[in-house]
Amino acid sequence: VQKVEEQLAALRIARRCLPAEEPAYLLAMDVSPAARAGSGGLVALCCSGESLRVHDRETLRCLRRYRGQPALLSGVRFAHTSDSLVFSACSQGSVRCWDVRSASLEPVQVFRGCPSNAFISFDVNCSDIVLCAGTEKADKDTFLVFWDARGVTDCASATKEPLGVYSESHNDDITKICFHPTEPNLMVSGSTDGLVNVFDINKDNEDDALISTCNSDSSVSSLGWAGEGYKQIYCVTHDEGFCWWDTAQLDTEESITLLHVLDARESVCTDSHGLQYLVGGFYHEKAGKLFLVGGTSTGDIHLISCGTDGLSLVGTLRGGHSATVRSFCWSPTDESLLTGGEDAQLLLWKPGAVERSLTKKASLKIPSSVQKRVRVHNTSLKSRKQ
C-alpha cells in the first residue's frame, strides 16, 4: 500500500490536450476498453455547451465531436465490449449511442423514454446487455428506466423503447447509477433524497429487486463499487460528505457502515489551500485500497486514502489545472490519471513523467458559468431504515 501511495504522489503531467476552438467545462469522462487494458484507446468527454468529444487517449488529440441536439448531456460511457460505441444521456428523454468509427455524426441508436423524462444519470452493465437511466423528479415522480442495449450496430438510427421502469425506490432526482464491475445483474443508484439503493435486476419486480437501502444523509453526487469482489459501495455527497458500506455484512449482525464522514474538508489536512471539494473515488485492485480525488478551485488535485479509521492525504498534484477539476479516470494498467476541469484542459498524469506539450500553461479559466446539472434541494430527508 505504501508503494502505491508513493506512486500516486509521484504522478506528473505527461501531456496536455490542445485547447478546443470552443472551450468548455469537461464535466465527465470515460475511457475505452483498450485504454483500460493499457493499449492506447480512446477517452470520451461530456462537455458543457451540449457537446460530446472523443480523444486519442495517448496523444489527447480530439478525433470526434458530436453536437446537434438542443439539450444537456449527462455523463458518458463506452461500451464494455467495444472501443467504438459511446453512450450519453440527454435531458430531452433519451440516451444516445454513437459509433466513433462512423463518418456520420448522428447517433446509431436512440434509447427513448417518455417525453417528460429528463435523464441526468445512466450506466451500461458489464455485459452490455442492459442500459439504465435515472430521471429528474417531475410531478412527484422519479424513474429508473431500463432498455435492452444489444444489437446497437445492427440497428442504425433505430429507436428503442424501454423494457420497464422502477418508480418507487427514490423520491427525488436520481443523480448517479453504477452497475457492478463483474456482476451484470447488480446495480446501485444514488439520489438527492440521500438514499443509495442496491438492486438485483434479475428479480421479477422492483420490491424484490431492492436488496439494500443505505442513507447518506445528503444529496448523492458520485458513487461506486470497491473492496475484494467489489462487495463494498461508496458515495460522495454534494456537500463533500463521504459514506462507505460493506454489502457483505447485510446478512450478519455487523454494521454495514465502514465509514461515514459528514464533511471531508474538515477531516483531510493539507499543507496549503485545503480541500474544497470531492470529485469521486476509484478502487486500486493491486493495493486493495479505495482512494478519493478532490481539490481546490485553483486547480490543485488532492489524492486521498480511505480507511475505516478515516481519510488521509496521499499527495497533491500541482501545476496542471487552473480551475476546479470536474472529472477523472484512473487507469490501473499503467497507473496513470486523466483529469478534466473548468479550465477546459484535459491532462494525462503518469508516475515520474516529463511533460510533452505544445500548449502554454497559462490559465484557460472559462469566464461563463455552466448550467448546473443538479438543483439545490431541501436537506430534510424522509426517514428510511438503513
Protein backbone atom coordinates (compact mmCIF):
# COMPACT_ATOMS: atom_id res chain seq x y z
CA VAL A 1 0.00 0.00 0.00
CA GLN A 2 2.81 2.41 0.86
CA LYS A 3 4.43 1.82 -2.55
CA VAL A 4 1.14 2.54 -4.30
CA GLU A 5 0.69 5.74 -2.33
CA GLU A 6 4.22 6.81 -3.28
CA GLN A 7 3.44 6.14 -6.95
CA LEU A 8 0.27 8.20 -6.78
CA ALA A 9 2.13 11.06 -5.11
CA ALA A 10 4.75 10.85 -7.91
CA LEU A 11 2.22 11.45 -10.71
CA ARG A 12 3.39 14.18 -13.08
CA ILE A 13 1.91 15.72 -16.22
CA ALA A 14 2.77 13.63 -19.28
CA ARG A 15 0.62 15.53 -21.78
CA ARG A 16 -1.97 18.28 -22.18
CA CYS A 17 -4.59 18.47 -24.87
CA LEU A 18 -4.59 21.33 -27.35
CA PRO A 19 -7.27 23.87 -26.40
CA ALA A 20 -10.55 23.40 -28.25
CA GLU A 21 -11.94 26.04 -30.60
CA GLU A 22 -14.83 26.49 -28.18
CA PRO A 23 -13.51 25.95 -24.65
CA ALA A 24 -15.88 24.04 -22.40
CA TYR A 25 -16.05 22.58 -18.94
CA LEU A 26 -15.09 18.89 -19.01
CA LEU A 27 -17.89 17.52 -16.85
CA ALA A 28 -17.49 13.74 -17.18
CA MET A 29 -15.20 11.25 -18.89
CA ASP A 30 -14.72 7.57 -19.62
CA VAL A 31 -12.05 5.52 -21.39
CA SER A 32 -12.50 2.70 -23.89
CA PRO A 33 -11.77 -0.97 -23.05
CA ALA A 34 -8.43 -0.76 -24.91
CA ALA A 35 -7.43 2.24 -22.80
CA ARG A 36 -8.34 0.38 -19.62
CA ALA A 37 -6.14 -2.50 -20.81
CA GLY A 38 -3.24 -0.12 -21.39
CA SER A 39 -3.10 -0.37 -25.18
CA GLY A 40 -3.84 3.12 -26.46
CA GLY A 41 -7.55 3.52 -26.87
CA LEU A 42 -9.86 6.49 -26.56
CA VAL A 43 -11.23 8.88 -23.97
CA ALA A 44 -14.72 10.37 -24.26
CA LEU A 45 -15.65 13.70 -22.69
CA CYS A 46 -19.05 15.10 -21.78
CA CYS A 47 -18.69 18.87 -22.10
CA SER A 48 -20.71 21.95 -21.28
CA GLY A 49 -22.24 23.52 -24.36
CA GLU A 50 -24.20 20.36 -25.22
CA SER A 51 -21.28 18.55 -26.83
CA LEU A 52 -19.52 15.20 -26.61
CA ARG A 53 -15.88 14.78 -27.64
CA VAL A 54 -13.71 11.73 -28.29
CA HIS A 55 -9.91 12.00 -27.94
CA ASP A 56 -6.96 9.71 -28.51
CA ARG A 57 -6.03 8.54 -25.03
CA GLU A 58 -2.25 8.87 -25.50
CA THR A 59 -1.88 11.99 -27.64
CA LEU A 60 -5.08 13.63 -26.27
CA ARG A 61 -5.85 14.79 -29.83
CA CYS A 62 -9.55 15.35 -30.49
CA LEU A 63 -10.88 12.84 -33.04
CA ARG A 64 -14.65 13.33 -32.97
CA ARG A 65 -17.12 15.92 -31.76
CA TYR A 66 -20.85 15.28 -31.52
CA ARG A 67 -23.45 18.04 -31.29
CA GLY A 68 -26.80 18.77 -32.85
CA GLN A 69 -29.29 18.15 -30.04
CA PRO A 70 -30.52 21.23 -28.14
CA ALA A 71 -30.36 19.52 -24.76
CA LEU A 72 -27.96 18.97 -21.90
CA LEU A 73 -25.88 15.79 -21.96
CA SER A 74 -25.30 13.93 -18.71
CA GLY A 75 -22.38 11.56 -18.35
CA VAL A 76 -20.55 9.46 -20.90
CA ARG A 77 -19.79 5.71 -21.11
CA PHE A 78 -18.01 3.43 -23.53
CA ALA A 79 -19.49 0.00 -24.12
CA HIS A 80 -17.55 -2.63 -22.16
CA THR A 81 -17.07 -4.93 -25.14
CA SER A 82 -16.43 -2.34 -27.86
CA ASP A 83 -13.95 0.50 -28.29
CA SER A 84 -16.20 2.27 -30.76
CA LEU A 85 -19.58 2.67 -29.04
CA VAL A 86 -20.13 5.69 -26.78
CA PHE A 87 -23.31 6.45 -24.79
CA SER A 88 -24.57 9.68 -23.24
CA ALA A 89 -27.84 10.61 -21.54
CA CYS A 90 -29.89 13.55 -22.74
CA SER A 91 -32.19 15.88 -20.82
CA GLN A 92 -34.80 15.53 -23.56
CA GLY A 93 -35.89 11.98 -22.74
CA SER A 94 -33.28 9.79 -24.41
CA VAL A 95 -29.94 8.05 -24.15
CA ARG A 96 -27.93 8.18 -27.36
CA CYS A 97 -25.23 5.89 -28.70
CA TRP A 98 -22.58 6.96 -31.22
CA ASP A 99 -20.16 4.81 -33.24
CA VAL A 100 -16.80 6.60 -33.40
CA ARG A 101 -15.83 4.56 -36.49
CA SER A 102 -18.63 6.12 -38.50
CA ALA A 103 -18.18 9.27 -40.56
CA SER A 104 -21.72 10.24 -39.57
CA LEU A 105 -22.19 12.46 -36.53
CA GLU A 106 -25.68 11.08 -35.94
CA PRO A 107 -26.31 8.52 -33.18
CA VAL A 108 -26.52 4.90 -34.32
CA GLN A 109 -29.18 4.24 -31.70
CA VAL A 110 -31.56 6.29 -29.57
CA PHE A 111 -33.00 4.78 -26.39
CA ARG A 112 -36.21 6.69 -25.87
CA GLY A 113 -38.10 7.31 -22.62
CA CYS A 114 -41.22 9.37 -22.05
CA PRO A 115 -41.14 12.98 -23.34
CA SER A 116 -41.23 14.22 -19.74
CA ASN A 117 -38.12 12.21 -18.78
CA ALA A 118 -35.04 14.37 -18.21
CA PHE A 119 -32.23 11.84 -17.87
CA ILE A 120 -29.38 13.07 -15.66
CA SER A 121 -27.62 9.76 -14.93
CA PHE A 122 -27.12 6.40 -16.63
CA ASP A 123 -24.89 3.33 -16.94
CA VAL A 124 -24.50 0.17 -19.03
CA ASN A 125 -23.98 -3.18 -17.30
CA CYS A 126 -20.72 -5.10 -17.69
CA SER A 127 -22.12 -7.44 -20.35
CA ASP A 128 -23.50 -4.52 -22.45
CA ILE A 129 -26.96 -6.09 -22.30
CA VAL A 130 -28.85 -3.68 -20.04
CA LEU A 131 -28.87 0.11 -20.11
CA CYS A 132 -30.41 2.09 -17.23
CA ALA A 133 -31.01 5.85 -16.89
CA GLY A 134 -32.25 7.95 -13.97
CA THR A 135 -34.54 10.96 -14.24
CA GLU A 136 -35.04 14.28 -12.58
CA LYS A 137 -38.13 14.49 -10.40
CA ALA A 138 -41.23 15.55 -12.33
CA ASP A 139 -44.75 15.77 -10.87
CA LYS A 140 -43.69 13.91 -7.71
CA ASP A 141 -42.26 11.02 -9.75
CA THR A 142 -38.73 9.87 -10.45
CA PHE A 143 -37.79 6.83 -12.54
CA LEU A 144 -35.08 4.30 -13.26
CA VAL A 145 -35.69 3.35 -16.91
CA PHE A 146 -34.27 0.16 -18.46
CA TRP A 147 -33.56 -0.82 -22.08
CA ASP A 148 -32.08 -3.79 -23.92
CA ALA A 149 -28.72 -2.43 -25.14
CA ARG A 150 -27.93 -5.29 -27.51
CA GLY A 151 -27.80 -5.02 -31.28
CA VAL A 152 -26.72 -1.39 -31.47
CA THR A 153 -24.56 -1.85 -34.56
CA ASP A 154 -27.27 -3.85 -36.35
CA CYS A 155 -29.95 -1.20 -35.99
CA ALA A 156 -28.61 2.02 -37.50
CA SER A 157 -30.60 5.07 -36.37
CA ALA A 158 -33.16 2.81 -34.72
CA THR A 159 -35.10 3.89 -31.66
CA LYS A 160 -35.57 1.51 -28.74
CA GLU A 161 -38.41 1.62 -26.26
CA PRO A 162 -37.93 0.79 -22.54
CA LEU A 163 -38.08 -2.73 -21.13
CA GLY A 164 -39.54 -1.34 -17.92
CA VAL A 165 -39.09 1.13 -15.06
CA TYR A 166 -38.56 1.31 -11.30
CA SER A 167 -40.57 4.14 -9.76
CA GLU A 168 -40.85 3.53 -6.01
CA SER A 169 -37.30 3.40 -4.65
CA HIS A 170 -36.32 7.08 -4.89
CA ASN A 171 -38.36 10.20 -4.29
CA ASP A 172 -36.07 12.82 -5.85
CA ASP A 173 -33.60 13.32 -8.72
CA ILE A 174 -31.56 10.18 -9.45
CA THR A 175 -28.09 11.66 -9.78
CA LYS A 176 -25.95 8.54 -10.19
CA ILE A 177 -26.25 4.95 -11.46
CA CYS A 178 -23.43 2.41 -11.35
CA PHE A 179 -23.58 -1.24 -12.38
CA HIS A 180 -21.31 -3.78 -10.67
CA PRO A 181 -17.94 -4.24 -12.46
CA THR A 182 -18.34 -8.03 -12.86
CA GLU A 183 -21.93 -8.98 -11.86
CA PRO A 184 -24.27 -7.83 -14.68
CA ASN A 185 -27.41 -8.07 -12.53
CA LEU A 186 -26.22 -5.82 -9.68
CA MET A 187 -26.76 -2.07 -9.78
CA VAL A 188 -26.53 0.80 -7.30
CA SER A 189 -28.31 4.15 -7.62
CA GLY A 190 -27.99 7.41 -5.69
CA SER A 191 -30.30 10.39 -5.41
CA THR A 192 -30.72 13.85 -3.97
CA ASP A 193 -33.09 12.16 -1.50
CA GLY A 194 -29.93 10.83 0.20
CA LEU A 195 -30.68 7.19 -0.49
CA VAL A 196 -28.23 4.75 -2.05
CA ASN A 197 -30.11 1.68 -3.30
CA VAL A 198 -28.67 -1.68 -4.35
CA PHE A 199 -30.71 -3.71 -6.85
CA ASP A 200 -30.64 -7.21 -8.29
CA ILE A 201 -32.33 -6.53 -11.62
CA ASN A 202 -32.80 -10.25 -12.30
CA LYS A 203 -35.73 -10.21 -9.86
CA ASP A 204 -39.28 -10.02 -11.20
CA ASN A 205 -40.34 -6.74 -9.64
CA GLU A 206 -38.93 -3.62 -8.01
CA ASP A 207 -39.72 -4.64 -4.43
CA ASP A 208 -37.87 -7.93 -4.76
CA ALA A 209 -35.04 -6.31 -6.71
CA LEU A 210 -34.24 -3.83 -3.94
CA ILE A 211 -31.58 -5.63 -1.89
CA SER A 212 -30.47 -2.81 0.38
CA THR A 213 -31.09 0.85 1.11
CA CYS A 214 -28.36 2.96 2.70
CA ASN A 215 -28.82 6.58 3.76
CA SER A 216 -26.04 9.07 3.04
CA ASP A 217 -27.94 11.83 4.88
CA SER A 218 -27.28 14.16 1.95
CA SER A 219 -27.61 14.55 -1.83
CA VAL A 220 -25.50 11.95 -3.68
CA SER A 221 -23.07 13.29 -6.28
CA SER A 222 -20.92 10.23 -7.01
CA LEU A 223 -20.80 6.54 -6.12
CA GLY A 224 -19.03 3.30 -7.00
CA TRP A 225 -18.01 -0.22 -6.03
CA ALA A 226 -14.90 -1.20 -4.05
CA GLY A 227 -13.29 -3.94 -1.98
CA GLU A 228 -12.40 -7.54 -2.68
CA GLY A 229 -15.00 -8.92 -5.09
CA TYR A 230 -16.44 -5.40 -5.24
CA LYS A 231 -18.82 -6.04 -2.36
CA GLN A 232 -18.44 -2.56 -0.93
CA ILE A 233 -20.19 0.64 -2.01
CA TYR A 234 -19.01 4.20 -1.50
CA CYS A 235 -20.60 7.55 -2.23
CA VAL A 236 -19.66 11.23 -2.22
CA THR A 237 -22.30 13.86 -1.49
CA HIS A 238 -22.85 17.34 -2.88
CA ASP A 239 -21.83 18.88 0.44
CA GLU A 240 -18.50 16.96 0.38
CA GLY A 241 -19.54 14.12 2.68
CA PHE A 242 -18.34 10.54 2.22
CA CYS A 243 -20.03 7.21 3.01
CA TRP A 244 -18.64 3.69 2.70
CA TRP A 245 -20.66 0.48 3.21
CA ASP A 246 -19.95 -3.27 3.09
CA THR A 247 -22.81 -5.21 1.50
CA ALA A 248 -21.17 -8.49 2.57
CA GLN A 249 -22.45 -7.67 6.08
CA LEU A 250 -26.10 -7.45 5.05
CA ASP A 251 -26.99 -10.91 6.39
CA THR A 252 -24.94 -10.57 9.58
CA GLU A 253 -25.31 -8.76 12.89
CA GLU A 254 -22.40 -6.46 12.00
CA SER A 255 -22.94 -2.87 10.90
CA ILE A 256 -22.58 -2.42 7.14
CA THR A 257 -21.16 1.10 7.62
CA LEU A 258 -17.37 1.16 7.27
CA LEU A 259 -17.00 4.94 7.41
CA HIS A 260 -19.24 7.99 7.40
CA VAL A 261 -17.60 11.40 7.12
CA LEU A 262 -20.01 14.35 7.23
CA ASP A 263 -17.51 16.81 5.71
CA ALA A 264 -14.26 15.58 4.18
CA ARG A 265 -12.97 19.15 4.04
CA GLU A 266 -12.70 19.17 7.81
CA SER A 267 -11.07 15.74 8.16
CA VAL A 268 -8.34 15.90 5.49
CA CYS A 269 -5.32 18.01 6.40
CA THR A 270 -3.42 19.66 3.54
CA ASP A 271 -0.40 21.93 3.63
CA SER A 272 -1.95 24.69 1.52
CA HIS A 273 -5.34 25.89 0.29
CA GLY A 274 -7.10 22.97 1.98
CA LEU A 275 -9.60 20.57 0.45
CA GLN A 276 -12.52 22.43 -1.11
CA TYR A 277 -14.42 19.66 -2.92
CA LEU A 278 -14.50 15.96 -3.77
CA VAL A 279 -14.86 14.67 -7.34
CA GLY A 280 -15.22 10.92 -6.76
CA GLY A 281 -13.29 7.76 -6.00
CA PHE A 282 -11.54 4.74 -7.50
CA TYR A 283 -10.64 1.32 -6.16
CA HIS A 284 -7.00 0.25 -6.59
CA GLU A 285 -7.15 -3.53 -7.01
CA LYS A 286 -3.41 -4.18 -6.58
CA ALA A 287 -3.30 -2.33 -3.28
CA GLY A 288 -6.80 -3.39 -2.24
CA LYS A 289 -7.39 0.25 -1.37
CA LEU A 290 -10.06 2.86 -2.02
CA PHE A 291 -8.91 6.37 -2.95
CA LEU A 292 -10.77 9.66 -3.39
CA VAL A 293 -9.97 12.54 -5.72
CA GLY A 294 -10.62 16.10 -4.58
CA GLY A 295 -9.10 19.52 -4.98
CA THR A 296 -9.21 23.30 -4.87
CA SER A 297 -10.78 25.97 -7.06
CA THR A 298 -7.29 26.96 -8.25
CA GLY A 299 -6.65 23.54 -9.80
CA ASP A 300 -4.71 21.61 -7.16
CA ILE A 301 -5.68 17.93 -7.07
CA HIS A 302 -5.67 16.05 -3.75
CA LEU A 303 -5.39 12.25 -3.69
CA ILE A 304 -6.94 10.83 -0.52
CA SER A 305 -6.66 7.36 1.01
CA CYS A 306 -9.73 5.79 2.65
CA GLY A 307 -9.51 3.60 5.74
CA THR A 308 -12.05 2.50 8.32
CA ASP A 309 -10.25 4.86 10.72
CA GLY A 310 -10.72 7.86 8.44
CA LEU A 311 -9.40 9.76 5.42
CA SER A 312 -5.77 10.76 4.90
CA LEU A 313 -3.96 12.81 2.26
CA VAL A 314 -1.68 10.82 -0.05
CA GLY A 315 -0.38 13.69 -2.18
CA THR A 316 -1.23 16.85 -4.09
CA LEU A 317 -0.82 17.30 -7.84
CA ARG A 318 0.01 20.90 -8.77
CA GLY A 319 0.88 22.87 -11.88
CA GLY A 320 -1.75 21.28 -14.09
CA HIS A 321 -5.20 22.80 -13.85
CA SER A 322 -6.03 26.42 -13.15
CA ALA A 323 -9.63 25.86 -12.05
CA THR A 324 -11.89 23.26 -10.44
CA VAL A 325 -11.39 19.67 -11.65
CA ARG A 326 -14.74 18.12 -12.55
CA SER A 327 -13.84 14.66 -13.94
CA PHE A 328 -11.14 12.00 -13.90
CA CYS A 329 -10.33 8.44 -14.98
CA TRP A 330 -7.84 6.17 -13.24
CA SER A 331 -6.02 3.54 -15.33
CA PRO A 332 -4.84 0.57 -13.24
CA THR A 333 -2.73 -0.88 -16.06
CA ASP A 334 -0.17 1.90 -16.39
CA GLU A 335 -1.20 3.65 -13.14
CA SER A 336 -2.00 6.89 -14.93
CA LEU A 337 -4.65 9.51 -14.26
CA LEU A 338 -6.70 11.57 -16.71
CA THR A 339 -8.26 14.79 -15.40
CA GLY A 340 -10.59 17.39 -16.90
CA GLY A 341 -11.74 20.67 -15.44
CA GLU A 342 -13.44 24.02 -15.69
CA ASP A 343 -10.28 25.42 -17.34
CA ALA A 344 -11.14 23.33 -20.44
CA GLN A 345 -7.94 21.33 -20.03
CA LEU A 346 -7.59 17.56 -20.40
CA LEU A 347 -4.41 16.30 -18.70
CA LEU A 348 -2.69 12.92 -18.63
CA TRP A 349 -0.65 12.23 -15.48
CA LYS A 350 1.87 9.39 -15.20
CA PRO A 351 4.35 8.41 -12.45
CA GLY A 352 7.57 10.37 -12.90
CA ALA A 353 6.52 11.74 -16.30
CA VAL A 354 8.10 14.70 -18.10
CA GLU A 355 5.56 16.89 -19.82
CA ARG A 356 5.42 16.91 -23.61
CA SER A 357 3.11 19.64 -24.77
CA LEU A 358 2.64 22.29 -27.44
CA THR A 359 0.38 24.42 -25.27
CA LYS A 360 1.19 27.18 -22.86
CA LYS A 361 0.44 26.73 -19.20
CA ALA A 362 -1.47 30.00 -18.99
CA SER A 363 -4.82 29.97 -17.27
CA LEU A 364 -7.67 28.85 -19.51
CA LYS A 365 -10.36 29.54 -16.93
CA ILE A 366 -13.69 29.96 -18.71
CA PRO A 367 -15.45 33.14 -17.55
CA SER A 368 -19.00 31.96 -18.27
CA SER A 369 -20.76 29.64 -15.85
CA VAL A 370 -22.12 26.26 -16.85
CA GLN A 371 -25.71 25.32 -16.14
CA LYS A 372 -25.78 23.21 -13.00
CA ARG A 373 -26.93 19.65 -13.50
CA VAL A 374 -28.42 19.17 -10.06
CA ARG A 375 -30.79 21.63 -8.44
CA VAL A 376 -30.39 22.75 -4.85
CA HIS A 377 -32.74 20.74 -2.67
CA ASN A 378 -34.10 20.89 0.80
CA THR A 379 -31.75 18.94 3.06
CA SER A 380 -34.54 17.36 5.03
CA LEU A 381 -34.90 13.71 4.09
CA LYS A 382 -37.67 11.21 4.55
CA SER A 383 -36.57 8.70 7.15
CA ARG A 384 -35.70 5.30 5.77
CA LYS A 385 -34.36 2.34 7.68
CA GLN A 386 -30.74 1.55 6.80
